Amino acid sequence: MSPLLCLFALVGVVFCAPALTDRQQKLVKVFGEDTNVTRAEAVIEEEARKLGISADEYYNACTANADAVDFTDEEEADMKREGEALAKMKGQFNNRDEVLKALQQNAPKTYAVIMKRVNIVEKELPKLDGEAQNYVRKLGNFLLDGVVALSKAENDFFGQLSVIGKATEQILADYKSLPQSSKDSLEKFYCINGAIRIASNGKIGKLIALIKEFQKL
């Protein structure tokens, strides 16, 4: 192709590519740069209809909480620095309390970041029905139990993948076992099913699929 044709092609791409709306930009920020925003908007419309609420209400559920728990650049830098130090530490955890104690003592900034998000979630719990509240609390404990299990699979890459895969499967199984009313309660505030559908074709979905494949080995 001649340089002139290349130039026209480039100009065409730049000026003809559709600009993202503010709502679409927020979806990209929440779900990642590889998000198919057209598909994401369709998912939001569908899930909102199932719940009997407006698309705007459901969109807010999918993005407002994400904004509240999103990490700042400073927080990400602190967690990366402390995470590198923690990775060099040897030893295993026996229970959840040991995990929290280790974070508090050896990664205080990371601990503060985590507890800030925990408090945000706790404030939202009264809006959920009883079984949905129990699921959220159980989820928090399950994540800590996962850290304990990962520590015991130290330096075993496939063992760690297996732990992550089993944890993911258990979380999904527990969610599926909830009554529909509790699922709806969760969905209205945390956009769980919508988030899974939106992310399924992105990096998160591919990672989950990869973990499941490793489990079959």
N, C-alpha and C. Protein backbone atom coordinates (compact mmCIF):
# COMPACT_ATOMS: atom_id res chain seq x y z
N MET A 1 0.86 -1.19 0.00
CA MET A 1 0.00 0.00 0.00
C MET A 1 0.89 1.23 0.00
N SER A 2 0.51 2.23 -0.79
CA SER A 2 1.31 3.44 -0.88
C SER A 2 1.21 4.25 0.40
N PRO A 3 2.21 5.10 0.69
CA PRO A 3 2.16 5.94 1.89
C PRO A 3 0.90 6.80 1.95
N LEU A 4 0.44 7.28 0.77
CA LEU A 4 -0.74 8.14 0.75
C LEU A 4 -1.99 7.37 1.15
N LEU A 5 -2.11 6.13 0.63
CA LEU A 5 -3.26 5.31 1.00
C LEU A 5 -3.23 4.96 2.48
N CYS A 6 -2.02 4.69 2.99
CA CYS A 6 -1.88 4.40 4.42
C CYS A 6 -2.36 5.58 5.25
N LEU A 7 -2.02 6.79 4.80
CA LEU A 7 -2.41 7.99 5.53
C LEU A 7 -3.93 8.13 5.55
N PHE A 8 -4.57 7.91 4.37
CA PHE A 8 -6.03 8.01 4.31
C PHE A 8 -6.69 6.95 5.19
N ALA A 9 -6.12 5.75 5.20
CA ALA A 9 -6.68 4.68 6.03
C ALA A 9 -6.60 5.04 7.50
N LEU A 10 -5.46 5.60 7.91
CA LEU A 10 -5.27 6.00 9.30
C LEU A 10 -6.24 7.09 9.70
N VAL A 11 -6.40 8.09 8.82
CA VAL A 11 -7.33 9.18 9.10
C VAL A 11 -8.75 8.64 9.22
N GLY A 12 -9.09 7.68 8.35
CA GLY A 12 -10.42 7.08 8.40
C GLY A 12 -10.69 6.39 9.71
N VAL A 13 -9.69 5.66 10.21
CA VAL A 13 -9.84 4.95 11.48
C VAL A 13 -10.02 5.94 12.62
N VAL A 14 -9.19 6.98 12.62
CA VAL A 14 -9.20 7.96 13.71
C VAL A 14 -10.51 8.73 13.76
N PHE A 15 -10.99 9.17 12.60
CA PHE A 15 -12.15 10.05 12.59
C PHE A 15 -13.49 9.31 12.46
N CYS A 16 -13.44 8.05 12.03
CA CYS A 16 -14.69 7.31 11.86
C CYS A 16 -14.98 6.37 13.02
N ALA A 17 -13.95 6.10 13.84
CA ALA A 17 -14.17 5.21 14.98
C ALA A 17 -15.14 5.87 15.95
N PRO A 18 -16.19 5.16 16.36
CA PRO A 18 -17.18 5.76 17.26
C PRO A 18 -16.58 6.08 18.62
N ALA A 19 -16.89 7.28 19.12
CA ALA A 19 -16.41 7.67 20.45
C ALA A 19 -17.29 7.01 21.50
N LEU A 20 -16.67 6.60 22.61
CA LEU A 20 -17.42 5.98 23.69
C LEU A 20 -18.17 7.03 24.48
N THR A 21 -19.40 6.72 24.87
CA THR A 21 -20.16 7.61 25.73
C THR A 21 -19.60 7.54 27.15
N ASP A 22 -20.06 8.44 28.01
CA ASP A 22 -19.60 8.42 29.40
C ASP A 22 -19.94 7.09 30.07
N ARG A 23 -21.14 6.58 29.79
CA ARG A 23 -21.55 5.30 30.38
C ARG A 23 -20.65 4.17 29.90
N GLN A 24 -20.32 4.17 28.63
CA GLN A 24 -19.47 3.12 28.07
C GLN A 24 -18.05 3.22 28.64
N GLN A 25 -17.57 4.43 28.81
CA GLN A 25 -16.24 4.62 29.40
C GLN A 25 -16.20 4.07 30.82
N LYS A 26 -17.29 4.27 31.57
CA LYS A 26 -17.36 3.74 32.93
C LYS A 26 -17.34 2.21 32.92
N LEU A 27 -18.04 1.61 31.97
CA LEU A 27 -18.04 0.15 31.85
C LEU A 27 -16.65 -0.38 31.55
N VAL A 28 -15.92 0.32 30.70
CA VAL A 28 -14.55 -0.08 30.38
C VAL A 28 -13.66 0.04 31.61
N LYS A 29 -13.87 1.11 32.38
CA LYS A 29 -13.08 1.31 33.59
C LYS A 29 -13.34 0.19 34.61
N VAL A 30 -14.60 -0.21 34.72
CA VAL A 30 -14.97 -1.23 35.71
C VAL A 30 -14.58 -2.63 35.27
N PHE A 31 -14.84 -2.96 34.01
CA PHE A 31 -14.67 -4.35 33.56
C PHE A 31 -13.42 -4.60 32.72
N GLY A 32 -12.67 -3.55 32.40
CA GLY A 32 -11.42 -3.75 31.68
C GLY A 32 -11.46 -3.23 30.25
N GLU A 33 -10.27 -2.98 29.72
CA GLU A 33 -10.16 -2.37 28.39
C GLU A 33 -10.67 -3.26 27.27
N ASP A 34 -10.71 -4.57 27.51
CA ASP A 34 -11.17 -5.49 26.46
C ASP A 34 -12.68 -5.71 26.49
N THR A 35 -13.39 -4.88 27.25
CA THR A 35 -14.84 -5.02 27.38
C THR A 35 -15.55 -4.66 26.07
N ASN A 36 -16.46 -5.52 25.65
CA ASN A 36 -17.32 -5.24 24.50
C ASN A 36 -18.49 -4.41 25.04
N VAL A 37 -18.42 -3.10 24.87
CA VAL A 37 -19.40 -2.22 25.52
C VAL A 37 -20.81 -2.41 24.96
N THR A 38 -20.92 -2.75 23.68
CA THR A 38 -22.24 -2.98 23.10
C THR A 38 -22.90 -4.19 23.75
N ARG A 39 -22.12 -5.26 23.91
CA ARG A 39 -22.62 -6.46 24.57
C ARG A 39 -22.93 -6.17 26.04
N ALA A 40 -22.07 -5.40 26.70
CA ALA A 40 -22.27 -5.07 28.11
C ALA A 40 -23.58 -4.31 28.31
N GLU A 41 -23.87 -3.37 27.43
CA GLU A 41 -25.11 -2.61 27.55
C GLU A 41 -26.33 -3.51 27.32
N ALA A 42 -26.19 -4.46 26.40
CA ALA A 42 -27.29 -5.40 26.14
C ALA A 42 -27.53 -6.29 27.36
N VAL A 43 -26.45 -6.73 28.01
CA VAL A 43 -26.55 -7.55 29.22
C VAL A 43 -27.27 -6.77 30.32
N ILE A 44 -26.90 -5.51 30.48
CA ILE A 44 -27.51 -4.67 31.51
C ILE A 44 -29.02 -4.52 31.27
N GLU A 45 -29.40 -4.32 30.02
CA GLU A 45 -30.83 -4.22 29.68
C GLU A 45 -31.56 -5.52 30.01
N GLU A 46 -30.96 -6.66 29.65
CA GLU A 46 -31.60 -7.96 29.88
C GLU A 46 -31.75 -8.26 31.37
N GLU A 47 -30.67 -8.05 32.12
CA GLU A 47 -30.71 -8.36 33.55
C GLU A 47 -31.67 -7.44 34.29
N ALA A 48 -31.74 -6.18 33.87
CA ALA A 48 -32.67 -5.24 34.51
C ALA A 48 -34.11 -5.68 34.31
N ARG A 49 -34.42 -6.16 33.10
CA ARG A 49 -35.78 -6.64 32.82
C ARG A 49 -36.13 -7.83 33.70
N LYS A 50 -35.17 -8.74 33.89
CA LYS A 50 -35.41 -9.92 34.74
C LYS A 50 -35.74 -9.51 36.17
N LEU A 51 -35.07 -8.45 36.65
CA LEU A 51 -35.24 -8.01 38.03
C LEU A 51 -36.43 -7.07 38.21
N GLY A 52 -36.99 -6.60 37.09
CA GLY A 52 -38.10 -5.67 37.18
C GLY A 52 -37.69 -4.27 37.59
N ILE A 53 -36.46 -3.90 37.27
CA ILE A 53 -35.97 -2.55 37.57
C ILE A 53 -35.50 -1.90 36.27
N SER A 54 -35.24 -0.59 36.33
CA SER A 54 -34.80 0.10 35.12
C SER A 54 -33.35 -0.23 34.80
N ALA A 55 -32.98 -0.05 33.54
CA ALA A 55 -31.60 -0.27 33.12
C ALA A 55 -30.66 0.69 33.84
N ASP A 56 -31.14 1.90 34.11
CA ASP A 56 -30.31 2.88 34.84
C ASP A 56 -30.00 2.40 36.25
N GLU A 57 -31.02 1.85 36.92
CA GLU A 57 -30.81 1.33 38.28
C GLU A 57 -29.78 0.20 38.29
N TYR A 58 -29.91 -0.68 37.32
CA TYR A 58 -29.00 -1.83 37.27
C TYR A 58 -27.59 -1.39 36.86
N TYR A 59 -27.52 -0.43 35.94
CA TYR A 59 -26.22 0.12 35.54
C TYR A 59 -25.51 0.70 36.76
N ASN A 60 -26.25 1.42 37.60
CA ASN A 60 -25.66 1.99 38.81
C ASN A 60 -25.17 0.90 39.75
N ALA A 61 -25.91 -0.20 39.84
CA ALA A 61 -25.48 -1.31 40.69
C ALA A 61 -24.18 -1.91 40.18
N CYS A 62 -24.03 -1.93 38.86
CA CYS A 62 -22.83 -2.52 38.25
C CYS A 62 -21.62 -1.61 38.31
N THR A 63 -21.84 -0.32 38.51
CA THR A 63 -20.72 0.63 38.46
C THR A 63 -20.50 1.42 39.75
N ALA A 64 -21.57 1.75 40.47
CA ALA A 64 -21.42 2.59 41.67
C ALA A 64 -20.57 1.91 42.73
N ASN A 65 -20.90 0.64 43.04
CA ASN A 65 -20.12 -0.08 44.04
C ASN A 65 -18.68 -0.28 43.59
N ALA A 66 -18.51 -0.48 42.28
CA ALA A 66 -17.16 -0.65 41.75
C ALA A 66 -16.34 0.61 41.98
N ASP A 67 -16.97 1.77 41.81
CA ASP A 67 -16.27 3.03 42.07
C ASP A 67 -15.85 3.13 43.52
N ALA A 68 -16.74 2.68 44.41
CA ALA A 68 -16.47 2.80 45.84
C ALA A 68 -15.31 1.93 46.28
N VAL A 69 -15.15 0.78 45.65
CA VAL A 69 -14.09 -0.15 46.08
C VAL A 69 -12.87 -0.11 45.17
N ASP A 70 -12.90 0.74 44.14
CA ASP A 70 -11.77 0.83 43.22
C ASP A 70 -10.53 1.33 43.95
N PHE A 71 -9.37 0.77 43.61
CA PHE A 71 -8.12 1.16 44.26
C PHE A 71 -7.55 2.44 43.63
N THR A 72 -7.00 3.30 44.47
CA THR A 72 -6.29 4.47 43.97
C THR A 72 -4.91 4.04 43.49
N ASP A 73 -4.24 4.90 42.73
CA ASP A 73 -2.89 4.60 42.26
C ASP A 73 -1.94 4.39 43.44
N GLU A 74 -2.12 5.20 44.48
CA GLU A 74 -1.27 5.08 45.67
C GLU A 74 -1.50 3.74 46.37
N GLU A 75 -2.77 3.35 46.48
CA GLU A 75 -3.08 2.07 47.12
C GLU A 75 -2.50 0.90 46.33
N GLU A 76 -2.61 0.96 45.01
CA GLU A 76 -2.07 -0.11 44.18
C GLU A 76 -0.56 -0.21 44.34
N ALA A 77 0.11 0.94 44.41
CA ALA A 77 1.57 0.95 44.58
C ALA A 77 1.96 0.35 45.94
N ASP A 78 1.22 0.72 46.98
CA ASP A 78 1.49 0.19 48.33
C ASP A 78 1.29 -1.32 48.37
N MET A 79 0.19 -1.80 47.77
CA MET A 79 -0.09 -3.23 47.79
C MET A 79 0.93 -4.02 46.98
N LYS A 80 1.38 -3.44 45.88
CA LYS A 80 2.39 -4.12 45.06
C LYS A 80 3.70 -4.25 45.83
N ARG A 81 4.09 -3.16 46.49
CA ARG A 81 5.34 -3.16 47.25
C ARG A 81 5.27 -4.15 48.41
N GLU A 82 4.18 -4.09 49.16
CA GLU A 82 4.04 -5.00 50.30
C GLU A 82 3.83 -6.44 49.83
N GLY A 83 3.15 -6.60 48.70
CA GLY A 83 2.92 -7.95 48.17
C GLY A 83 4.20 -8.63 47.78
N GLU A 84 5.14 -7.87 47.22
CA GLU A 84 6.43 -8.43 46.83
C GLU A 84 7.20 -8.89 48.07
N ALA A 85 7.07 -8.12 49.15
CA ALA A 85 7.75 -8.50 50.40
C ALA A 85 7.09 -9.74 51.00
N LEU A 86 5.76 -9.80 50.95
CA LEU A 86 5.05 -10.96 51.50
C LEU A 86 5.37 -12.24 50.73
N ALA A 87 5.55 -12.08 49.41
CA ALA A 87 5.83 -13.26 48.57
C ALA A 87 7.14 -13.94 48.94
N LYS A 88 8.04 -13.16 49.53
CA LYS A 88 9.35 -13.71 49.90
C LYS A 88 9.31 -14.41 51.27
N MET A 89 8.22 -14.20 51.99
CA MET A 89 8.10 -14.81 53.31
C MET A 89 7.78 -16.29 53.19
N LYS A 90 8.36 -17.08 54.06
CA LYS A 90 8.10 -18.51 54.07
C LYS A 90 7.11 -18.85 55.19
N GLY A 91 6.55 -20.02 55.11
CA GLY A 91 5.65 -20.45 56.18
C GLY A 91 4.23 -20.62 55.69
N GLN A 92 3.45 -21.28 56.50
CA GLN A 92 2.07 -21.57 56.16
C GLN A 92 1.12 -20.98 57.19
N PHE A 93 -0.10 -20.69 56.74
CA PHE A 93 -1.14 -20.23 57.64
C PHE A 93 -2.02 -21.41 58.03
N ASN A 94 -2.46 -21.41 59.27
CA ASN A 94 -3.32 -22.50 59.74
C ASN A 94 -4.79 -22.11 59.80
N ASN A 95 -5.07 -20.80 59.85
CA ASN A 95 -6.46 -20.36 59.92
C ASN A 95 -6.58 -18.91 59.46
N ARG A 96 -7.82 -18.41 59.41
CA ARG A 96 -8.08 -17.05 58.93
C ARG A 96 -7.43 -16.00 59.81
N ASP A 97 -7.47 -16.21 61.13
CA ASP A 97 -6.90 -15.23 62.05
C ASP A 97 -5.42 -15.01 61.78
N GLU A 98 -4.71 -16.08 61.46
CA GLU A 98 -3.28 -15.95 61.16
C GLU A 98 -3.05 -15.14 59.89
N VAL A 99 -3.93 -15.28 58.92
CA VAL A 99 -3.82 -14.50 57.68
C VAL A 99 -3.97 -13.02 57.98
N LEU A 100 -5.03 -12.66 58.72
CA LEU A 100 -5.28 -11.26 59.04
C LEU A 100 -4.17 -10.67 59.91
N LYS A 101 -3.67 -11.46 60.86
CA LYS A 101 -2.60 -11.00 61.74
C LYS A 101 -1.33 -10.74 60.94
N ALA A 102 -1.02 -11.64 59.99
CA ALA A 102 0.18 -11.48 59.16
C ALA A 102 0.07 -10.23 58.30
N LEU A 103 -1.11 -9.98 57.75
CA LEU A 103 -1.32 -8.77 56.95
C LEU A 103 -1.17 -7.52 57.80
N GLN A 104 -1.78 -7.54 58.97
CA GLN A 104 -1.74 -6.37 59.85
C GLN A 104 -0.32 -6.04 60.28
N GLN A 105 0.49 -7.06 60.53
CA GLN A 105 1.86 -6.85 61.02
C GLN A 105 2.85 -6.58 59.90
N ASN A 106 2.72 -7.30 58.78
CA ASN A 106 3.72 -7.24 57.73
C ASN A 106 3.32 -6.43 56.50
N ALA A 107 2.03 -6.16 56.38
CA ALA A 107 1.55 -5.37 55.24
C ALA A 107 0.43 -4.45 55.72
N PRO A 108 0.75 -3.52 56.62
CA PRO A 108 -0.29 -2.69 57.24
C PRO A 108 -1.10 -1.85 56.26
N LYS A 109 -0.46 -1.37 55.20
CA LYS A 109 -1.20 -0.55 54.23
C LYS A 109 -2.17 -1.41 53.42
N THR A 110 -1.74 -2.61 53.07
CA THR A 110 -2.62 -3.53 52.36
C THR A 110 -3.79 -3.93 53.25
N TYR A 111 -3.51 -4.17 54.52
CA TYR A 111 -4.55 -4.52 55.49
C TYR A 111 -5.57 -3.39 55.59
N ALA A 112 -5.09 -2.15 55.64
CA ALA A 112 -5.98 -0.99 55.74
C ALA A 112 -6.86 -0.87 54.50
N VAL A 113 -6.28 -1.12 53.33
CA VAL A 113 -7.03 -1.06 52.08
C VAL A 113 -8.14 -2.11 52.08
N ILE A 114 -7.80 -3.33 52.50
CA ILE A 114 -8.78 -4.42 52.53
C ILE A 114 -9.91 -4.11 53.51
N MET A 115 -9.56 -3.64 54.71
CA MET A 115 -10.58 -3.38 55.72
C MET A 115 -11.50 -2.23 55.31
N LYS A 116 -10.96 -1.27 54.57
CA LYS A 116 -11.79 -0.17 54.08
C LYS A 116 -12.88 -0.72 53.16
N ARG A 117 -12.51 -1.66 52.29
CA ARG A 117 -13.49 -2.26 51.38
C ARG A 117 -14.47 -3.16 52.13
N VAL A 118 -13.97 -3.86 53.13
CA VAL A 118 -14.85 -4.71 53.94
C VAL A 118 -15.93 -3.85 54.60
N ASN A 119 -15.54 -2.70 55.11
CA ASN A 119 -16.49 -1.80 55.77
C ASN A 119 -17.54 -1.28 54.79
N ILE A 120 -17.12 -1.03 53.54
CA ILE A 120 -18.06 -0.58 52.51
C ILE A 120 -19.11 -1.65 52.25
N VAL A 121 -18.65 -2.89 52.13
CA VAL A 121 -19.57 -4.01 51.88
C VAL A 121 -20.50 -4.21 53.08
N GLU A 122 -19.95 -4.10 54.30
CA GLU A 122 -20.75 -4.28 55.52
C GLU A 122 -21.90 -3.27 55.58
N LYS A 123 -21.66 -2.05 55.13
CA LYS A 123 -22.71 -1.03 55.16
C LYS A 123 -23.86 -1.37 54.21
N GLU A 124 -23.55 -2.13 53.16
CA GLU A 124 -24.57 -2.49 52.18
C GLU A 124 -25.39 -3.72 52.59
N LEU A 125 -24.85 -4.51 53.52
CA LEU A 125 -25.49 -5.78 53.88
C LEU A 125 -26.95 -5.65 54.32
N PRO A 126 -27.31 -4.64 55.14
CA PRO A 126 -28.71 -4.56 55.58
C PRO A 126 -29.71 -4.43 54.44
N LYS A 127 -29.25 -4.06 53.25
CA LYS A 127 -30.14 -3.93 52.10
C LYS A 127 -30.51 -5.29 51.50
N LEU A 128 -29.77 -6.33 51.89
CA LEU A 128 -29.98 -7.66 51.34
C LEU A 128 -30.90 -8.49 52.24
N ASP A 129 -31.48 -9.56 51.68
CA ASP A 129 -32.26 -10.45 52.54
C ASP A 129 -31.29 -11.34 53.33
N GLY A 130 -31.84 -12.10 54.29
CA GLY A 130 -31.00 -12.86 55.22
C GLY A 130 -30.03 -13.82 54.57
N GLU A 131 -30.52 -14.63 53.63
CA GLU A 131 -29.65 -15.63 53.00
C GLU A 131 -28.58 -14.97 52.14
N ALA A 132 -28.92 -13.86 51.51
CA ALA A 132 -27.93 -13.14 50.71
C ALA A 132 -26.84 -12.55 51.61
N GLN A 133 -27.23 -12.05 52.79
CA GLN A 133 -26.25 -11.53 53.74
C GLN A 133 -25.29 -12.64 54.17
N ASN A 134 -25.85 -13.81 54.47
CA ASN A 134 -25.01 -14.93 54.89
C ASN A 134 -24.04 -15.34 53.79
N TYR A 135 -24.49 -15.28 52.54
CA TYR A 135 -23.62 -15.65 51.42
C TYR A 135 -22.44 -14.69 51.32
N VAL A 136 -22.70 -13.40 51.46
CA VAL A 136 -21.62 -12.41 51.37
C VAL A 136 -20.61 -12.62 52.49
N ARG A 137 -21.09 -12.85 53.71
CA ARG A 137 -20.18 -13.09 54.83
C ARG A 137 -19.39 -14.39 54.62
N LYS A 138 -20.08 -15.41 54.13
CA LYS A 138 -19.42 -16.68 53.86
C LYS A 138 -18.36 -16.52 52.77
N LEU A 139 -18.65 -15.67 51.80
CA LEU A 139 -17.70 -15.42 50.72
C LEU A 139 -16.41 -14.82 51.26
N GLY A 140 -16.54 -13.86 52.19
CA GLY A 140 -15.35 -13.26 52.80
C GLY A 140 -14.51 -14.28 53.53
N ASN A 141 -15.17 -15.15 54.31
CA ASN A 141 -14.44 -16.20 55.03
C ASN A 141 -13.81 -17.20 54.07
N PHE A 142 -14.53 -17.48 52.99
CA PHE A 142 -14.03 -18.45 52.02
C PHE A 142 -12.76 -17.94 51.34
N LEU A 143 -12.71 -16.64 51.08
CA LEU A 143 -11.51 -16.06 50.47
C LEU A 143 -10.31 -16.17 51.40
N LEU A 144 -10.54 -15.94 52.69
CA LEU A 144 -9.45 -16.10 53.67
C LEU A 144 -9.01 -17.56 53.76
N ASP A 145 -9.98 -18.46 53.72
CA ASP A 145 -9.65 -19.89 53.73
C ASP A 145 -8.82 -20.25 52.50
N GLY A 146 -9.10 -19.57 51.38
CA GLY A 146 -8.34 -19.80 50.17
C GLY A 146 -6.88 -19.41 50.32
N VAL A 147 -6.64 -18.30 51.04
CA VAL A 147 -5.26 -17.87 51.29
C VAL A 147 -4.53 -18.91 52.13
N VAL A 148 -5.24 -19.46 53.13
CA VAL A 148 -4.65 -20.52 53.97
C VAL A 148 -4.26 -21.71 53.10
N ALA A 149 -5.16 -22.13 52.22
CA ALA A 149 -4.89 -23.28 51.35
C ALA A 149 -3.75 -22.99 50.39
N LEU A 150 -3.70 -21.77 49.85
CA LEU A 150 -2.62 -21.40 48.93
C LEU A 150 -1.27 -21.44 49.62
N SER A 151 -1.24 -21.01 50.88
CA SER A 151 0.04 -21.01 51.61
C SER A 151 0.58 -22.42 51.79
N LYS A 152 -0.32 -23.40 51.83
CA LYS A 152 0.10 -24.79 52.01
C LYS A 152 0.47 -25.45 50.68
N ALA A 153 0.18 -24.74 49.58
CA ALA A 153 0.58 -25.23 48.26
C ALA A 153 1.76 -24.43 47.74
N GLU A 154 2.58 -23.93 48.67
CA GLU A 154 3.71 -23.06 48.35
C GLU A 154 4.64 -23.69 47.32
N ASN A 155 5.02 -22.89 46.32
CA ASN A 155 5.96 -23.30 45.26
C ASN A 155 5.42 -24.44 44.39
N ASP A 156 4.15 -24.74 44.51
CA ASP A 156 3.53 -25.77 43.67
C ASP A 156 2.51 -25.07 42.77
N PHE A 157 2.95 -24.70 41.56
CA PHE A 157 2.11 -23.90 40.66
C PHE A 157 0.79 -24.58 40.36
N PHE A 158 0.85 -25.87 40.00
CA PHE A 158 -0.38 -26.58 39.66
C PHE A 158 -1.26 -26.78 40.90
N GLY A 159 -0.61 -26.95 42.05
CA GLY A 159 -1.37 -27.07 43.29
C GLY A 159 -2.12 -25.78 43.59
N GLN A 160 -1.47 -24.63 43.36
CA GLN A 160 -2.11 -23.34 43.59
C GLN A 160 -3.27 -23.13 42.62
N LEU A 161 -3.07 -23.51 41.36
CA LEU A 161 -4.16 -23.39 40.38
C LEU A 161 -5.35 -24.24 40.78
N SER A 162 -5.06 -25.42 41.30
CA SER A 162 -6.13 -26.32 41.74
C SER A 162 -6.91 -25.70 42.89
N VAL A 163 -6.19 -25.09 43.84
CA VAL A 163 -6.85 -24.43 44.98
C VAL A 163 -7.76 -23.32 44.49
N ILE A 164 -7.25 -22.48 43.58
CA ILE A 164 -8.04 -21.36 43.05
C ILE A 164 -9.26 -21.88 42.29
N GLY A 165 -9.05 -22.94 41.51
CA GLY A 165 -10.16 -23.51 40.74
C GLY A 165 -11.25 -24.06 41.63
N LYS A 166 -10.86 -24.79 42.67
CA LYS A 166 -11.84 -25.37 43.60
C LYS A 166 -12.60 -24.27 44.34
N ALA A 167 -11.87 -23.21 44.72
CA ALA A 167 -12.51 -22.10 45.43
C ALA A 167 -13.54 -21.42 44.52
N THR A 168 -13.16 -21.21 43.26
CA THR A 168 -14.07 -20.59 42.30
C THR A 168 -15.32 -21.43 42.10
N GLU A 169 -15.13 -22.73 41.96
CA GLU A 169 -16.27 -23.64 41.77
C GLU A 169 -17.19 -23.63 42.99
N GLN A 170 -16.60 -23.60 44.19
CA GLN A 170 -17.41 -23.62 45.41
C GLN A 170 -18.22 -22.34 45.56
N ILE A 171 -17.58 -21.22 45.25
CA ILE A 171 -18.27 -19.93 45.32
C ILE A 171 -19.47 -19.93 44.37
N LEU A 172 -19.27 -20.41 43.15
CA LEU A 172 -20.35 -20.45 42.17
C LEU A 172 -21.44 -21.44 42.57
N ALA A 173 -21.02 -22.58 43.13
CA ALA A 173 -21.99 -23.60 43.56
C ALA A 173 -22.87 -23.06 44.69
N ASP A 174 -22.24 -22.36 45.64
CA ASP A 174 -23.01 -21.78 46.75
C ASP A 174 -23.99 -20.73 46.25
N TYR A 175 -23.54 -19.96 45.26
CA TYR A 175 -24.42 -18.94 44.68
C TYR A 175 -25.62 -19.58 43.99
N LYS A 176 -25.35 -20.64 43.22
CA LYS A 176 -26.43 -21.31 42.48
C LYS A 176 -27.44 -21.95 43.43
N SER A 177 -27.00 -22.33 44.63
CA SER A 177 -27.90 -23.00 45.58
C SER A 177 -28.81 -22.02 46.32
N LEU A 178 -28.56 -20.73 46.18
CA LEU A 178 -29.41 -19.73 46.85
C LEU A 178 -30.80 -19.71 46.22
N PRO A 179 -31.83 -19.40 47.01
CA PRO A 179 -33.16 -19.23 46.41
C PRO A 179 -33.16 -18.03 45.47
N GLN A 180 -34.06 -18.03 44.50
CA GLN A 180 -34.07 -16.97 43.50
C GLN A 180 -34.24 -15.59 44.13
N SER A 181 -35.03 -15.51 45.19
CA SER A 181 -35.25 -14.21 45.84
C SER A 181 -33.94 -13.64 46.39
N SER A 182 -33.06 -14.51 46.91
CA SER A 182 -31.77 -14.05 47.43
C SER A 182 -30.82 -13.67 46.30
N LYS A 183 -30.89 -14.43 45.20
CA LYS A 183 -30.07 -14.08 44.04
C LYS A 183 -30.48 -12.70 43.51
N ASP A 184 -31.79 -12.46 43.46
CA ASP A 184 -32.28 -11.16 42.99
C ASP A 184 -31.84 -10.05 43.94
N SER A 185 -31.87 -10.33 45.24
CA SER A 185 -31.44 -9.36 46.24
C SER A 185 -29.98 -8.97 46.02
N LEU A 186 -29.14 -9.98 45.80
CA LEU A 186 -27.72 -9.73 45.52
C LEU A 186 -27.54 -8.99 44.21
N GLU A 187 -28.29 -9.41 43.22
CA GLU A 187 -28.12 -8.87 41.87
C GLU A 187 -28.42 -7.38 41.81
N LYS A 188 -29.44 -6.95 42.56
CA LYS A 188 -29.84 -5.55 42.53
C LYS A 188 -28.77 -4.62 43.09
N PHE A 189 -27.92 -5.16 43.96
CA PHE A 189 -26.91 -4.31 44.59
C PHE A 189 -25.48 -4.61 44.14
N TYR A 190 -25.23 -5.85 43.70
CA TYR A 190 -23.84 -6.21 43.38
C TYR A 190 -23.63 -6.66 41.93
N CYS A 191 -24.70 -6.78 41.15
CA CYS A 191 -24.54 -7.04 39.72
C CYS A 191 -23.70 -8.29 39.45
N ILE A 192 -23.92 -9.36 40.24
CA ILE A 192 -23.07 -10.54 40.15
C ILE A 192 -23.21 -11.25 38.81
N ASN A 193 -24.44 -11.62 38.46
CA ASN A 193 -24.65 -12.35 37.21
C ASN A 193 -24.29 -11.50 36.01
N GLY A 194 -24.66 -10.23 36.08
CA GLY A 194 -24.33 -9.32 34.98
C GLY A 194 -22.83 -9.18 34.80
N ALA A 195 -22.11 -9.06 35.92
CA ALA A 195 -20.65 -8.92 35.85
C ALA A 195 -20.01 -10.16 35.25
N ILE A 196 -20.51 -11.34 35.65
CA ILE A 196 -19.97 -12.59 35.10
C ILE A 196 -20.20 -12.66 33.60
N ARG A 197 -21.41 -12.27 33.17
CA ARG A 197 -21.71 -12.32 31.73
C ARG A 197 -20.89 -11.31 30.95
N ILE A 198 -20.72 -10.12 31.50
CA ILE A 198 -19.95 -9.08 30.81
C ILE A 198 -18.48 -9.47 30.71
N ALA A 199 -17.97 -10.08 31.78
CA ALA A 199 -16.54 -10.40 31.83
C ALA A 199 -16.20 -11.73 31.16
N SER A 200 -17.20 -12.51 30.78
CA SER A 200 -16.96 -13.87 30.30
C SER A 200 -16.08 -13.94 29.06
N ASN A 201 -16.14 -12.91 28.22
CA ASN A 201 -15.33 -12.91 27.00
C ASN A 201 -14.04 -12.11 27.17
N GLY A 202 -13.84 -11.55 28.35
CA GLY A 202 -12.64 -10.76 28.59
C GLY A 202 -11.56 -11.56 29.28
N LYS A 203 -10.59 -10.85 29.83
CA LYS A 203 -9.44 -11.51 30.45
C LYS A 203 -9.84 -12.33 31.67
N ILE A 204 -10.79 -11.82 32.46
CA ILE A 204 -11.23 -12.55 33.66
C ILE A 204 -11.86 -13.88 33.27
N GLY A 205 -12.74 -13.84 32.28
CA GLY A 205 -13.38 -15.07 31.83
C GLY A 205 -12.39 -16.07 31.28
N LYS A 206 -11.41 -15.58 30.55
CA LYS A 206 -10.39 -16.47 29.99
C LYS A 206 -9.53 -17.08 31.09
N LEU A 207 -9.27 -16.29 32.13
CA LEU A 207 -8.48 -16.81 33.25
C LEU A 207 -9.22 -17.93 33.97
N ILE A 208 -10.52 -17.72 34.21
CA ILE A 208 -11.32 -18.75 34.87
C ILE A 208 -11.37 -20.02 34.02
N ALA A 209 -11.53 -19.85 32.71
CA ALA A 209 -11.56 -21.01 31.81
C ALA A 209 -10.23 -21.75 31.84
N LEU A 210 -9.13 -20.99 31.90
CA LEU A 210 -7.80 -21.61 31.94
C LEU A 210 -7.62 -22.42 33.22
N ILE A 211 -8.06 -21.86 34.34
CA ILE A 211 -7.95 -22.56 35.62
C ILE A 211 -8.73 -23.87 35.58
N LYS A 212 -9.93 -23.83 35.00
CA LYS A 212 -10.75 -25.04 34.92
C LYS A 212 -10.08 -26.10 34.05
N GLU A 213 -9.40 -25.67 32.99
CA GLU A 213 -8.70 -26.62 32.13
C GLU A 213 -7.55 -27.28 32.88
N PHE A 214 -6.83 -26.50 33.68
CA PHE A 214 -5.71 -27.05 34.45
C PHE A 214 -6.21 -28.08 35.46
N GLN A 215 -7.42 -27.85 35.99
CA GLN A 215 -7.97 -28.78 36.97
C GLN A 215 -8.22 -30.17 36.38
N LYS A 216 -8.44 -30.21 35.07
CA LYS A 216 -8.73 -31.48 34.41
C LYS A 216 -7.47 -32.32 34.20
N LEU A 217 -6.28 -31.68 34.31
CA LEU A 217 -5.02 -32.39 34.04
C LEU A 217 -4.71 -33.40 35.14
